[in-house]
Amino acid sequence: MYHTTSSLLVNGKKLLVFINDHLPEVLNCMKNYQINGKPVDLNMLNKCIYDMISVNFPEQENHSNSTKTNEKSCENIEHSQAKSIMSITCTSNTCSNTENKNINEENSEISTKDNSNIKKKEDIKEIHSDTVRQPLQNVNELLHARENITQDENSVKSLLHQLLDKTDSLFELVKSIDKQCIEDKQDFQNKIDQVNDRITAFSKKMCTIDEHQTQHLYDIENSVKLVKVDQDKNFSHVHNKIQSLADRVKDLPSRTQYNAKNFEVEKSNENIDYRSVNSNTANTSKTYIDQSHTTIRNSQIFPDERKEKTLIIGSSIIKGIDANKVGKDVHIRTNRGATVPTLTEKIKKSNIQHYKSIILVVGGNDASSRIHPEAFKEKYDDMIKTVKSINPGINIAVSEICPRRNVDTEIYNAILHRVSTEHKLKIIKQTDAFVSRGGDLVSSYYHRDGIHLTNQGTILLLRNINKVVNIFNQTTISQSNNESNEQHGKRQTIANTFNGICFNCGFYGHHCKDCHTL
């Protein structure tokens, strides 16, 4: 190339410029011809190279005509060198072996022709072989370096493409994982919501079940209470009938005594009539008969029509009191199985306006039913108010509850003390007299049921009452002492083994055969 372009390059002064700036363009042109798959036309390539050199080095066109022949020869040399370069590039880049052979043959022919032409030219100086080899070696090195750079660039690009592909695949993988996580999270949240909904439904169902159970239990309790109230009413009604019958039975001896006395009076009057004067016989007999009728009439006056009388009213604890053993102005009203509310109803229906004093002996059955102490106090207050509303001037005395087996009476007696203090009433103490020093019930005062009092226990009850309210006569006190001594020892112990119910009186703790209510 230096040999053919010496006139243009001015002895190689601009060879490096050509190599660095223009030779790559020539190679690109050659490469384009190869890439496009077109046949390589060496004449066209030589012309392109010549045009490129002439365009980039216009100052060389002003040479004299003497050098035109040399220029033509140079063109031929340039064409030949371009062909040689083309052959080199073609062999280096992917040209076939057949094409390389053809190009080499053509280059050899051109080189022989050119050499003959160069020898004929006188103006061209001889060039040493060393000066020609050096630029060609530099060009080969540059081409080789450029190929290496291109290969490195291609490898880098391929690596970058691979990296981008891997990055894209990784991004897609991360994106898919994120999407899957979101779906899993949503699915998990949906399952949690379903579980929460089921828990809520279950809790609501349990609440409804609890409400139904509570309502059912409440209905059962109400029905039980109603049944119990009905039983209490029936029991009270039966006891009232039994009490009325017992009262009538108790009145029979007194009535027979009255009838016997009246009969004796009438008989004595008849004897007197026969002994009297005949003129006065009819009149005297009539007067005695009238007197006997008035005595009978006076003996049949009802208790409510008597003045300044004392009424002892209570439950079956006072059933053993004999009316003949107390004062004639003391009346006994026994209500078997009575509680404070039932006795209050009895008082409302009774006539107590003509009594000076009333003694309340009730509360044992309430204690056996284990009523709440405050409820017991409230009911007892109502009974006191009822008595005062009927007879405001009556004197009220409250008797303690006699001790019972398996019943805590102390708390209820404390309530009675509170009631008597609040209403300013008299209190009759009973507990200490019926309990021994060891705290046990005195067996001689109780029947086997541990509830009802024996004759001796009844006398002790009346004595405790008499300490507060006078209910005895002197003769009655002496007789009661003798009878209490006779009863001592008949019943020494209280049976503690039987827990059944007595069908006679309705109380627990004794058999019907051991009941002493009648």
Protein backbone atom coordinates (compact mmCIF):
# COMPACT_ATOMS: atom_id res chain seq x y z
CA MET A 1 0.00 0.00 0.00
CA TYR A 2 2.80 2.42 0.73
CA HIS A 3 4.31 1.62 -2.62
CA THR A 4 1.13 2.36 -4.58
CA THR A 5 0.01 5.46 -2.70
CA SER A 6 3.36 7.21 -2.34
CA SER A 7 2.27 10.03 -4.58
CA LEU A 8 -0.89 10.52 -2.60
CA LEU A 9 0.41 9.92 0.92
CA VAL A 10 3.62 11.88 0.34
CA ASN A 11 6.05 9.15 1.25
CA GLY A 12 3.93 7.70 4.07
CA LYS A 13 3.55 10.84 6.12
CA LYS A 14 -0.23 10.36 6.41
CA LEU A 15 -0.24 6.60 6.53
CA LEU A 16 -1.18 6.47 10.20
CA VAL A 17 -4.04 8.87 9.61
CA PHE A 18 -5.28 6.67 6.86
CA ILE A 19 -4.95 3.55 8.95
CA ASN A 20 -6.66 5.04 12.00
CA ASP A 21 -9.44 7.02 10.32
CA HIS A 22 -10.21 5.61 6.92
CA LEU A 23 -9.16 2.02 6.87
CA PRO A 24 -11.97 1.00 9.30
CA GLU A 25 -14.50 2.51 6.93
CA VAL A 26 -13.00 0.53 4.08
CA LEU A 27 -13.26 -2.61 6.17
CA ASN A 28 -16.84 -1.80 7.03
CA CYS A 29 -17.63 -1.42 3.37
CA MET A 30 -16.00 -4.74 2.65
CA LYS A 31 -17.86 -6.28 5.57
CA ASN A 32 -21.16 -4.93 4.30
CA TYR A 33 -20.53 -6.62 1.01
CA GLN A 34 -19.89 -9.84 2.81
CA ILE A 35 -22.84 -9.57 5.19
CA ASN A 36 -25.32 -8.69 2.47
CA GLY A 37 -24.32 -11.83 0.61
CA LYS A 38 -23.52 -9.94 -2.61
CA PRO A 39 -20.65 -11.02 -4.89
CA VAL A 40 -17.41 -9.11 -4.27
CA ASP A 41 -16.46 -6.81 -7.17
CA LEU A 42 -12.78 -5.90 -6.74
CA ASN A 43 -12.90 -3.12 -9.30
CA MET A 44 -15.74 -1.50 -7.45
CA LEU A 45 -13.85 -1.83 -4.17
CA ASN A 46 -10.74 -0.28 -5.67
CA LYS A 47 -12.78 2.57 -7.03
CA CYS A 48 -14.39 3.13 -3.63
CA ILE A 49 -10.98 3.21 -1.98
CA TYR A 50 -9.65 5.61 -4.59
CA ASP A 51 -12.65 7.91 -4.24
CA MET A 52 -12.31 7.88 -0.48
CA ILE A 53 -8.61 8.75 -0.63
CA SER A 54 -9.16 11.46 -3.22
CA VAL A 55 -11.94 12.99 -1.18
CA ASN A 56 -9.96 12.99 2.06
CA PHE A 57 -6.72 14.19 0.41
CA PRO A 58 -7.77 16.77 -2.22
CA GLU A 59 -4.37 18.51 -2.26
CA GLN A 60 -2.84 15.61 -4.13
CA GLU A 61 -5.01 16.29 -7.22
CA ASN A 62 -2.85 19.32 -8.23
CA HIS A 63 0.16 17.25 -9.36
CA SER A 64 1.54 17.73 -12.86
CA ASN A 65 0.65 15.73 -15.88
CA SER A 66 3.96 13.97 -15.70
CA THR A 67 2.77 12.13 -12.71
CA LYS A 68 -0.56 11.04 -14.18
CA THR A 69 0.94 7.93 -15.59
CA ASN A 70 2.38 7.18 -12.23
CA GLU A 71 -1.03 7.82 -10.69
CA LYS A 72 -2.55 5.33 -13.02
CA SER A 73 0.04 2.82 -12.08
CA CYS A 74 -0.53 3.73 -8.45
CA GLU A 75 -4.20 3.18 -8.94
CA ASN A 76 -3.46 -0.22 -10.29
CA ILE A 77 -1.19 -0.88 -7.35
CA GLU A 78 -3.84 0.43 -4.98
CA HIS A 79 -6.39 -1.77 -6.63
CA SER A 80 -4.09 -4.67 -6.32
CA GLN A 81 -3.30 -3.86 -2.71
CA ALA A 82 -6.95 -3.34 -1.95
CA LYS A 83 -7.63 -6.68 -3.51
CA SER A 84 -4.88 -8.16 -1.42
CA ILE A 85 -6.31 -6.54 1.70
CA MET A 86 -9.74 -7.72 0.65
CA SER A 87 -8.40 -11.19 0.25
CA ILE A 88 -6.82 -10.99 3.70
CA THR A 89 -10.01 -9.74 5.30
CA CYS A 90 -12.10 -12.26 3.45
CA THR A 91 -9.94 -15.11 4.58
CA SER A 92 -9.95 -13.78 8.15
CA ASN A 93 -13.68 -13.22 8.31
CA THR A 94 -15.41 -16.27 6.75
CA CYS A 95 -14.57 -16.41 3.00
CA SER A 96 -14.50 -19.82 1.38
CA ASN A 97 -11.26 -21.54 0.24
CA THR A 98 -12.18 -21.37 -3.42
CA GLU A 99 -12.66 -17.62 -3.36
CA ASN A 100 -9.30 -17.16 -1.62
CA LYS A 101 -7.54 -19.10 -4.38
CA ASN A 102 -9.10 -16.97 -7.12
CA ILE A 103 -8.21 -13.77 -5.36
CA ASN A 104 -4.60 -14.87 -4.85
CA GLU A 105 -4.24 -15.72 -8.54
CA GLU A 106 -5.63 -12.37 -9.56
CA ASN A 107 -3.37 -10.59 -7.10
CA SER A 108 -0.35 -12.39 -8.47
CA GLU A 109 -1.23 -11.35 -12.02
CA ILE A 110 -1.84 -7.79 -10.97
CA SER A 111 1.37 -7.67 -9.00
CA THR A 112 3.44 -8.86 -12.01
CA LYS A 113 1.84 -6.27 -14.25
CA ASP A 114 2.29 -3.58 -11.69
CA ASN A 115 5.89 -4.46 -11.12
CA SER A 116 6.57 -4.14 -14.81
CA ASN A 117 4.84 -0.80 -14.87
CA ILE A 118 6.65 0.40 -11.75
CA LYS A 119 10.03 -0.39 -13.28
CA LYS A 120 9.17 1.70 -16.30
CA LYS A 121 8.41 4.74 -14.15
CA GLU A 122 11.35 6.93 -13.50
CA ASP A 123 9.87 9.32 -10.93
CA ILE A 124 9.10 6.64 -8.34
CA LYS A 125 11.86 6.03 -5.99
CA GLU A 126 12.88 2.64 -4.87
CA ILE A 127 11.56 1.68 -1.51
CA HIS A 128 13.38 -0.54 0.77
CA SER A 129 11.69 -3.63 2.02
CA ASP A 130 12.04 -2.60 5.64
CA THR A 131 10.05 0.60 5.11
CA VAL A 132 7.18 -1.34 3.51
CA ARG A 133 6.99 -4.19 6.03
CA GLN A 134 6.77 -1.95 9.07
CA PRO A 135 3.42 -0.27 8.19
CA LEU A 136 1.94 -3.56 7.10
CA GLN A 137 2.86 -5.17 10.39
CA ASN A 138 1.28 -2.25 12.25
CA VAL A 139 -1.86 -2.60 10.19
CA ASN A 140 -2.07 -6.31 10.92
CA GLU A 141 -1.54 -5.69 14.60
CA LEU A 142 -4.20 -3.01 14.64
CA LEU A 143 -6.58 -5.22 12.78
CA HIS A 144 -5.87 -8.08 15.13
CA ALA A 145 -6.31 -5.78 18.15
CA ARG A 146 -9.53 -4.44 16.71
CA GLU A 147 -10.79 -7.96 16.15
CA ASN A 148 -9.92 -8.79 19.75
CA ILE A 149 -11.72 -5.66 20.94
CA THR A 150 -14.70 -6.54 18.80
CA GLN A 151 -14.69 -10.06 20.17
CA ASP A 152 -14.42 -8.68 23.70
CA GLU A 153 -17.27 -6.29 23.00
CA ASN A 154 -19.34 -9.12 21.60
CA SER A 155 -18.54 -11.29 24.58
CA VAL A 156 -19.41 -8.41 26.92
CA LYS A 157 -22.61 -7.79 25.00
CA SER A 158 -23.46 -11.46 25.14
CA LEU A 159 -22.75 -11.48 28.84
CA LEU A 160 -24.86 -8.36 29.26
CA HIS A 161 -27.64 -9.98 27.29
CA GLN A 162 -27.35 -13.10 29.42
CA LEU A 163 -27.33 -10.94 32.55
CA LEU A 164 -30.38 -9.06 31.34
CA ASP A 165 -32.09 -12.34 30.52
CA LYS A 166 -31.23 -13.71 33.94
CA THR A 167 -32.37 -10.45 35.54
CA ASP A 168 -35.64 -10.58 33.63
CA SER A 169 -36.16 -14.20 34.58
CA LEU A 170 -35.29 -13.37 38.20
CA PHE A 171 -37.66 -10.41 38.14
CA GLU A 172 -40.40 -12.60 36.71
CA LEU A 173 -39.67 -15.20 39.38
CA VAL A 174 -39.81 -12.60 42.15
CA LYS A 175 -42.97 -11.17 40.65
CA SER A 176 -44.57 -14.62 40.52
CA ILE A 177 -43.46 -15.33 44.09
CA ASP A 178 -44.89 -11.99 45.23
CA LYS A 179 -48.13 -12.72 43.42
CA GLN A 180 -48.27 -16.18 44.96
CA CYS A 181 -47.59 -14.68 48.40
CA ILE A 182 -50.41 -12.20 47.91
CA GLU A 183 -52.75 -14.99 46.83
CA ASP A 184 -51.67 -17.16 49.78
CA LYS A 185 -52.13 -14.23 52.13
CA GLN A 186 -55.58 -13.54 50.74
CA ASP A 187 -56.47 -17.22 50.99
CA PHE A 188 -55.19 -17.34 54.56
CA GLN A 189 -57.18 -14.21 55.42
CA ASN A 190 -60.29 -15.74 53.90
CA LYS A 191 -59.81 -18.88 55.97
CA ILE A 192 -59.30 -16.78 59.10
CA ASP A 193 -62.51 -14.89 58.30
CA GLN A 194 -64.34 -18.17 57.84
CA VAL A 195 -63.04 -19.44 61.18
CA ASN A 196 -64.05 -16.16 62.86
CA ASP A 197 -67.50 -16.40 61.31
CA ARG A 198 -67.88 -19.95 62.56
CA ILE A 199 -66.70 -18.95 66.03
CA THR A 200 -69.17 -16.04 66.04
CA ALA A 201 -72.00 -18.29 64.92
CA PHE A 202 -71.06 -20.89 67.53
CA SER A 203 -70.95 -18.25 70.28
CA LYS A 204 -74.34 -16.91 69.22
CA LYS A 205 -75.75 -20.43 69.23
CA MET A 206 -74.30 -21.07 72.68
CA CYS A 207 -75.81 -17.79 73.92
CA THR A 208 -79.21 -18.75 72.58
CA ILE A 209 -78.88 -22.21 74.14
CA ASP A 210 -77.91 -20.64 77.47
CA GLU A 211 -80.85 -18.26 77.26
CA HIS A 212 -83.23 -21.13 76.53
CA GLN A 213 -81.77 -23.16 79.37
CA THR A 214 -82.01 -20.20 81.73
CA GLN A 215 -85.60 -19.57 80.70
CA HIS A 216 -86.40 -23.26 81.06
CA LEU A 217 -84.86 -23.36 84.54
CA TYR A 218 -86.72 -20.19 85.45
CA ASP A 219 -89.98 -21.74 84.31
CA ILE A 220 -89.22 -24.89 86.30
CA GLU A 221 -88.46 -22.83 89.40
CA ASN A 222 -91.69 -20.89 89.00
CA SER A 223 -93.67 -24.08 88.53
CA VAL A 224 -92.01 -25.61 91.59
CA LYS A 225 -92.80 -22.48 93.60
CA LEU A 226 -96.41 -22.58 92.46
CA VAL A 227 -96.67 -26.25 93.34
CA LYS A 228 -95.14 -25.56 96.72
CA VAL A 229 -97.54 -22.68 97.33
CA ASP A 230 -100.46 -24.89 96.37
CA GLN A 231 -99.20 -27.62 98.67
CA ASP A 232 -98.79 -25.14 101.49
CA LYS A 233 -102.31 -23.87 100.93
CA ASN A 234 -103.74 -27.37 100.86
CA PHE A 235 -101.70 -28.35 103.89
CA SER A 236 -102.84 -25.25 105.76
CA HIS A 237 -106.44 -25.89 104.76
CA VAL A 238 -106.26 -29.48 105.99
CA HIS A 239 -104.61 -28.39 109.23
CA ASN A 240 -107.26 -25.76 109.77
CA LYS A 241 -109.95 -28.37 109.40
CA ILE A 242 -108.11 -30.67 111.77
CA GLN A 243 -107.69 -27.80 114.22
CA SER A 244 -111.36 -26.98 114.10
CA LEU A 245 -112.21 -30.61 114.74
CA ALA A 246 -109.70 -30.75 117.58
CA ASP A 247 -111.16 -27.60 119.10
CA ARG A 248 -114.61 -29.11 118.95
CA VAL A 249 -113.34 -32.29 120.53
CA LYS A 250 -111.69 -30.29 123.29
CA ASP A 251 -114.91 -28.38 123.90
CA LEU A 252 -116.86 -31.61 124.42
CA PRO A 253 -115.62 -32.28 128.00
CA SER A 254 -116.32 -28.74 129.10
CA ARG A 255 -119.76 -28.85 127.54
CA THR A 256 -120.58 -32.16 129.22
CA GLN A 257 -119.38 -30.73 132.53
CA TYR A 258 -121.59 -27.70 132.02
CA ASN A 259 -124.51 -29.91 131.12
CA ALA A 260 -123.91 -32.13 134.16
CA LYS A 261 -123.77 -29.12 136.47
CA ASN A 262 -126.92 -27.70 134.96
CA PHE A 263 -128.63 -31.02 135.38
CA GLU A 264 -127.66 -31.14 139.06
CA VAL A 265 -128.90 -27.59 139.54
CA GLU A 266 -132.18 -28.42 137.90
CA LYS A 267 -132.53 -31.55 140.02
CA SER A 268 -131.85 -29.66 143.24
CA ASN A 269 -134.31 -26.99 142.21
CA GLU A 270 -136.93 -29.61 141.63
CA ASN A 271 -136.38 -31.03 145.14
CA ILE A 272 -136.70 -27.57 146.62
CA ASP A 273 -139.91 -27.01 144.73
CA TYR A 274 -141.48 -30.12 146.19
CA ARG A 275 -140.61 -29.09 149.78
CA SER A 276 -141.86 -25.52 149.47
CA VAL A 277 -145.35 -24.33 150.21
CA ASN A 278 -148.00 -25.35 147.75
CA SER A 279 -149.01 -21.79 147.06
CA ASN A 280 -145.46 -20.83 146.22
CA THR A 281 -144.51 -24.08 144.46
CA ALA A 282 -145.13 -22.96 140.93
CA ASN A 283 -143.48 -19.57 141.37
CA THR A 284 -140.35 -20.86 143.09
CA SER A 285 -139.81 -23.63 140.57
CA LYS A 286 -140.18 -21.13 137.75
CA THR A 287 -137.63 -18.77 139.27
CA TYR A 288 -135.10 -21.56 139.79
CA ILE A 289 -135.58 -22.72 136.24
CA ASP A 290 -134.98 -19.20 135.00
CA GLN A 291 -131.83 -18.96 137.11
CA SER A 292 -130.54 -22.24 135.70
CA HIS A 293 -131.11 -21.01 132.16
CA THR A 294 -129.25 -17.78 132.87
CA THR A 295 -126.28 -19.72 134.28
CA ILE A 296 -126.20 -21.94 131.20
CA ARG A 297 -126.43 -18.89 128.99
CA ASN A 298 -123.55 -17.23 130.83
CA SER A 299 -121.43 -20.35 130.57
CA GLN A 300 -121.88 -20.41 126.75
CA ILE A 301 -120.61 -16.88 126.14
CA PHE A 302 -117.94 -16.89 123.40
CA PRO A 303 -114.37 -15.90 124.30
CA ASP A 304 -114.39 -12.83 122.05
CA GLU A 305 -117.26 -11.38 124.09
CA ARG A 306 -115.23 -11.42 127.34
CA LYS A 307 -113.28 -8.44 128.51
CA GLU A 308 -109.61 -8.24 129.63
CA LYS A 309 -108.74 -11.66 128.31
CA THR A 310 -105.37 -13.10 127.21
CA LEU A 311 -104.95 -14.95 123.92
CA ILE A 312 -102.14 -17.47 123.33
CA ILE A 313 -101.96 -18.09 119.59
CA GLY A 314 -99.35 -20.05 117.69
CA SER A 315 -98.39 -23.25 115.89
CA SER A 316 -98.66 -26.85 117.09
CA ILE A 317 -95.97 -26.20 119.72
CA ILE A 318 -98.81 -25.11 122.04
CA LYS A 319 -101.13 -28.01 121.17
CA GLY A 320 -100.45 -29.72 124.52
CA ILE A 321 -101.75 -26.83 126.64
CA ASP A 322 -104.82 -27.84 128.65
CA ALA A 323 -107.32 -25.02 128.96
CA ASN A 324 -108.29 -26.23 132.44
CA LYS A 325 -104.73 -25.75 133.67
CA VAL A 326 -104.47 -22.06 132.85
CA GLY A 327 -106.48 -19.13 134.03
CA LYS A 328 -110.10 -18.86 133.07
CA ASP A 329 -109.38 -15.67 131.18
CA VAL A 330 -106.66 -17.31 129.03
CA HIS A 331 -107.68 -18.69 125.64
CA ILE A 332 -105.61 -21.00 123.46
CA ARG A 333 -105.71 -21.05 119.64
CA THR A 334 -103.55 -23.69 118.01
CA ASN A 335 -102.82 -23.60 114.26
CA ARG A 336 -100.94 -26.75 113.33
CA GLY A 337 -98.16 -26.25 110.78
CA ALA A 338 -98.64 -22.50 110.95
CA THR A 339 -95.92 -20.15 109.77
CA VAL A 340 -95.70 -16.42 110.32
CA PRO A 341 -97.57 -15.52 107.09
CA THR A 342 -100.34 -18.10 107.65
CA LEU A 343 -100.79 -16.99 111.27
CA THR A 344 -101.03 -13.39 110.08
CA GLU A 345 -103.92 -14.39 107.82
CA LYS A 346 -105.58 -16.18 110.75
CA ILE A 347 -105.30 -13.07 112.91
CA LYS A 348 -106.88 -10.96 110.17
CA LYS A 349 -109.89 -13.26 110.13
CA SER A 350 -110.18 -13.51 113.94
CA ASN A 351 -111.82 -11.13 116.40
CA ILE A 352 -109.09 -9.95 118.78
CA GLN A 353 -110.54 -6.55 119.61
CA HIS A 354 -111.72 -7.63 123.11
CA TYR A 355 -108.37 -9.12 124.21
CA LYS A 356 -106.14 -7.20 126.53
CA SER A 357 -103.00 -9.25 125.81
CA ILE A 358 -101.81 -11.55 123.03
CA ILE A 359 -98.91 -13.99 123.18
CA LEU A 360 -97.36 -14.99 119.83
CA VAL A 361 -95.75 -18.46 119.83
CA VAL A 362 -94.76 -19.00 116.18
CA GLY A 363 -91.65 -19.26 114.00
CA GLY A 364 -90.49 -22.85 114.47
CA ASN A 365 -91.83 -24.01 111.12
CA ASP A 366 -90.25 -20.99 109.42
CA ALA A 367 -86.89 -21.93 110.94
CA SER A 368 -87.31 -25.54 109.77
CA SER A 369 -87.90 -24.32 106.21
CA ARG A 370 -84.64 -22.29 106.51
CA ILE A 371 -86.17 -19.03 105.38
CA HIS A 372 -83.81 -16.12 104.96
CA PRO A 373 -83.48 -14.23 108.28
CA GLU A 374 -84.28 -10.84 106.77
CA ALA A 375 -87.37 -12.23 105.05
CA PHE A 376 -88.41 -13.78 108.38
CA LYS A 377 -88.04 -10.39 110.09
CA GLU A 378 -90.06 -8.66 107.38
CA LYS A 379 -92.93 -11.15 107.72
CA TYR A 380 -92.86 -10.93 111.53
CA ASP A 381 -93.03 -7.12 111.31
CA ASP A 382 -96.08 -7.44 109.09
CA MET A 383 -97.77 -9.69 111.67
CA ILE A 384 -97.10 -7.17 114.49
CA LYS A 385 -98.49 -4.35 112.35
CA THR A 386 -101.58 -6.44 111.57
CA VAL A 387 -102.25 -7.08 115.27
CA LYS A 388 -101.85 -3.39 116.13
CA SER A 389 -104.07 -2.31 113.25
CA ILE A 390 -106.91 -4.52 114.53
CA ASN A 391 -106.45 -3.75 118.25
CA PRO A 392 -104.17 -0.74 118.82
CA GLY A 393 -104.31 -1.00 122.63
CA ILE A 394 -103.43 -4.67 122.93
CA ASN A 395 -100.30 -5.83 124.80
CA ILE A 396 -98.13 -8.03 122.60
CA ALA A 397 -95.64 -10.58 123.95
CA VAL A 398 -93.28 -12.48 121.63
CA SER A 399 -92.10 -15.96 122.61
CA GLU A 400 -88.75 -17.31 121.49
CA ILE A 401 -88.65 -20.34 119.22
CA CYS A 402 -88.15 -23.49 121.25
CA PRO A 403 -85.01 -25.39 120.21
CA ARG A 404 -85.52 -28.11 117.58
CA ARG A 405 -83.50 -31.01 116.35
CA ASN A 406 -81.25 -30.23 113.33
CA VAL A 407 -82.51 -26.64 113.17
CA ASP A 408 -80.51 -23.51 113.97
CA THR A 409 -82.98 -21.41 115.96
CA GLU A 410 -80.49 -18.96 117.45
CA ILE A 411 -80.38 -16.68 114.41
CA TYR A 412 -84.19 -16.50 114.26
CA ASN A 413 -84.43 -15.82 118.01
CA ALA A 414 -81.99 -12.96 117.49
CA ILE A 415 -84.41 -11.59 114.87
CA LEU A 416 -87.25 -11.86 117.40
CA HIS A 417 -85.22 -9.87 119.93
CA ARG A 418 -84.67 -7.17 117.29
CA VAL A 419 -88.39 -7.08 116.47
CA SER A 420 -89.37 -6.80 120.15
CA THR A 421 -86.86 -4.00 120.68
CA GLU A 422 -87.99 -2.05 117.62
CA HIS A 423 -91.70 -2.37 118.45
CA LYS A 424 -91.17 -2.14 122.24
CA LEU A 425 -92.69 -5.55 122.92
CA LYS A 426 -92.19 -8.11 125.68
CA ILE A 427 -89.89 -11.05 124.89
CA ILE A 428 -90.35 -14.52 126.43
CA LYS A 429 -87.11 -16.55 126.65
CA GLN A 430 -87.35 -20.29 125.99
CA THR A 431 -83.93 -21.52 124.73
CA ASP A 432 -82.01 -21.84 128.00
CA ALA A 433 -84.76 -23.88 129.68
CA PHE A 434 -84.89 -26.57 126.96
CA VAL A 435 -81.13 -27.03 126.40
CA SER A 436 -78.75 -28.81 128.77
CA ARG A 437 -75.34 -27.52 129.74
CA GLY A 438 -73.74 -29.59 127.01
CA GLY A 439 -75.87 -27.89 124.37
CA ASP A 440 -78.15 -30.88 123.73
CA LEU A 441 -81.93 -30.93 123.90
CA VAL A 442 -83.38 -32.17 127.18
CA SER A 443 -84.97 -35.44 126.13
CA SER A 444 -87.71 -35.36 128.77
CA TYR A 445 -89.19 -32.20 127.24
CA TYR A 446 -89.59 -33.57 123.70
CA HIS A 447 -91.34 -36.41 121.93
CA ARG A 448 -89.40 -38.71 119.61
CA ASP A 449 -89.76 -36.32 116.70
CA GLY A 450 -87.60 -33.75 118.51
CA ILE A 451 -90.13 -31.03 117.68
CA HIS A 452 -93.32 -31.38 119.71
CA LEU A 453 -93.25 -30.95 123.48
CA THR A 454 -94.21 -33.52 126.05
CA ASN A 455 -96.52 -32.67 128.95
CA GLN A 456 -93.50 -31.70 131.00
CA GLY A 457 -92.14 -29.57 128.15
CA THR A 458 -95.50 -27.87 127.74
CA ILE A 459 -95.60 -27.03 131.46
CA LEU A 460 -92.09 -25.56 131.15
CA LEU A 461 -93.25 -23.51 128.18
CA LEU A 462 -96.19 -22.13 130.17
CA ARG A 463 -93.96 -21.33 133.12
CA ASN A 464 -91.65 -19.29 130.89
CA ILE A 465 -94.69 -17.45 129.52
CA ASN A 466 -96.05 -16.87 133.05
CA LYS A 467 -92.79 -15.12 133.98
CA VAL A 468 -93.71 -12.31 131.57
CA VAL A 469 -97.53 -12.52 131.35
CA ASN A 470 -99.63 -13.94 134.21
CA ILE A 471 -101.61 -16.89 132.85
CA PHE A 472 -101.76 -19.22 135.91
CA ASN A 473 -103.88 -19.42 139.02
CA GLN A 474 -102.30 -20.61 142.28
CA THR A 475 -104.15 -23.92 142.25
CA THR A 476 -103.19 -24.49 138.64
CA ILE A 477 -99.49 -24.02 139.39
CA SER A 478 -99.50 -26.67 142.14
CA GLN A 479 -101.38 -29.15 139.96
CA SER A 480 -99.03 -28.60 137.04
CA ASN A 481 -96.01 -29.33 139.23
CA ASN A 482 -97.48 -32.67 140.32
CA GLU A 483 -98.34 -33.67 136.75
CA SER A 484 -94.90 -32.72 135.48
CA ASN A 485 -93.33 -35.02 138.06
CA GLU A 486 -95.57 -37.88 136.94
CA GLN A 487 -94.58 -37.43 133.31
CA HIS A 488 -90.87 -37.35 134.13
CA GLY A 489 -89.19 -40.56 133.08
CA LYS A 490 -91.86 -41.70 130.61
CA ARG A 491 -89.88 -40.31 127.70
CA GLN A 492 -86.16 -40.08 128.40
CA THR A 493 -84.60 -39.91 124.94
CA ILE A 494 -85.32 -38.48 121.53
CA ALA A 495 -84.94 -40.75 118.53
CA ASN A 496 -82.27 -39.46 116.15
CA THR A 497 -82.47 -42.06 113.42
CA PHE A 498 -85.80 -41.50 111.66
CA ASN A 499 -86.00 -38.77 109.02
CA GLY A 500 -89.39 -39.63 107.48
CA ILE A 501 -92.53 -37.51 107.45
CA CYS A 502 -95.49 -37.94 109.75
CA PHE A 503 -98.74 -38.22 107.81
CA ASN A 504 -100.68 -37.03 110.84
CA CYS A 505 -99.06 -33.67 111.49
CA GLY A 506 -96.93 -33.22 108.36
CA PHE A 507 -93.61 -32.83 110.22
CA TYR A 508 -90.37 -34.73 109.71
CA GLY A 509 -88.50 -36.85 112.23
CA HIS A 510 -91.10 -39.25 113.62
CA HIS A 511 -93.58 -41.95 112.69
CA CYS A 512 -97.31 -41.46 112.63
CA LYS A 513 -97.65 -43.89 115.57
CA ASP A 514 -95.39 -41.65 117.68
CA CYS A 515 -97.25 -38.44 116.80
CA HIS A 516 -99.01 -36.68 119.68
CA THR A 517 -100.86 -33.99 117.79
CA LEU A 518 -104.29 -35.44 118.64
